[in-house]
Amino acid sequence: MVIRRVVQAGALFVVLALLCLGVLRQCSAEISRYAFAPIHAFEPALPLHASDYADPGLWIARPGMPADPAQWLPPGTVAETPGDTAVFFVHSTTYLSRNHWNAPLDDADSRRRADVLVAATASAFNAVGSVWVPRYRQAALGTFLMDGTKRQRAMEVAYADVRAAFAAFLGALPPETPIILAGHSQGAWAVARLLHDEVRGRLLGRRVVAAYAVGWPIVASRAAAETGLTPCTAPDQPHCLVGWLSFAEPADPTMLLRAYGRWPDTAPATDPLLCVNPLTGTPGGAAPRSANRGTLLPDEDDSDTERAGPLVPGMVPARCDARGLLLIGPPPRIGLFVLPGNTYHVYDIPLFWANLRADALRRSAAWHRARDGGTR
């Protein structure tokens, strides 16, 4: 499979968004909105239904697809026999254009970026079982800078697609199949909302191995009420919630949280955020760089489109601070897209790719042990 700059090529959307937010410190909000906001009126969209997702073209990854980016592995990584857990993964924003409030499903640039991002992120889950990643009419980059009903309507379109895809995902699985829900950034927002709307308080919740809402601010004290899952407290605990926001030190989350705060269902982060340390699998605490099993680096060779970045163990440590930010020590040299405030949002998953892979395997094994022992 051709993957070029596995991490970097898919990250430009975040760079533009947060650099734009940085301009707000020196220029007016109106200038930034003029530069990035959609230039056309909001276009009402017909809803997609679960039956629409019978079309393989509406999936980036799912079982049986040729050249499935979610099945990519870093060079030298040994492929494992997948387990029976099914993973529903929602990718982050890849639509940069100002032409629409929501990405057209056939937009070539957005689709290409999404394929790259899936290879860099969703691939961490392919050892636990099948990985399903839908295409959806994601909210455009410019919605980060907008207020009002148009932004809300754009988010509703995106979420409705994800919800329809999730229904199709469930319908395609054998009954009682264990599941993982995971996503990054806009995708993590959608996953948190799915947990609230489709899983919390329902029998389906018994099938949830774990949920990973990475790169989205969730207040830890409200996680259970909002998602139905409590933050994970042990590395082998099933049926719990994992999430973090990555920063080098000194960390300034002002711009990132300002961007998130414009989105629906995002409450002000006055209390500590969810921070389950990906190196320990527990909330809070610290782990040395030696605990990092492998950071996924981007390929720096533009001339070789067949190569992807290697896994480098021991690259960064991780500790959760009092604010619920995941701190990774002094800024590491991982790629071009380090954002204002020492924000490593682009690299939330690649920084801890190997540990995330191991985390999902542990929680899946724990879920099966609990089920077979009749303790769930």
Foldseek 3Di string as FASTA:
>chain_A
DFAAQLQPVLQVLVQLLLVLLVCVVPDPLVVSLVVQAQPDDADDDDFDALVVVVDVLQWLFWPPDPPRLLQDDAPPDDAADAAQAEEEEEEDFRARDSNHQWADSPDVRSSSSRSSNSNLFSNLAVRHHIYIYGRFRAGYSSLLSDADDSSVSSLVRRLSRSLNNVVNVVVVDDPLGAYEYEYADSRLVSSLQCLQPPNAPDPNLLRYLEYESEHAWDAQVCSCVRRVAHDFAALQAGSHYAYAWEFEPPFDCVSVQSSNVRHPPDDDLPAATFHQDLLTRHTFDWDAQQSQQWAFAADPDNVDRRHGGHTDGSQWIWGQDRNRHIYTYHQGPRDDRQHPRRGPSSRRCRGRSNSSSVSSVSSSVSSVVCVVVVND
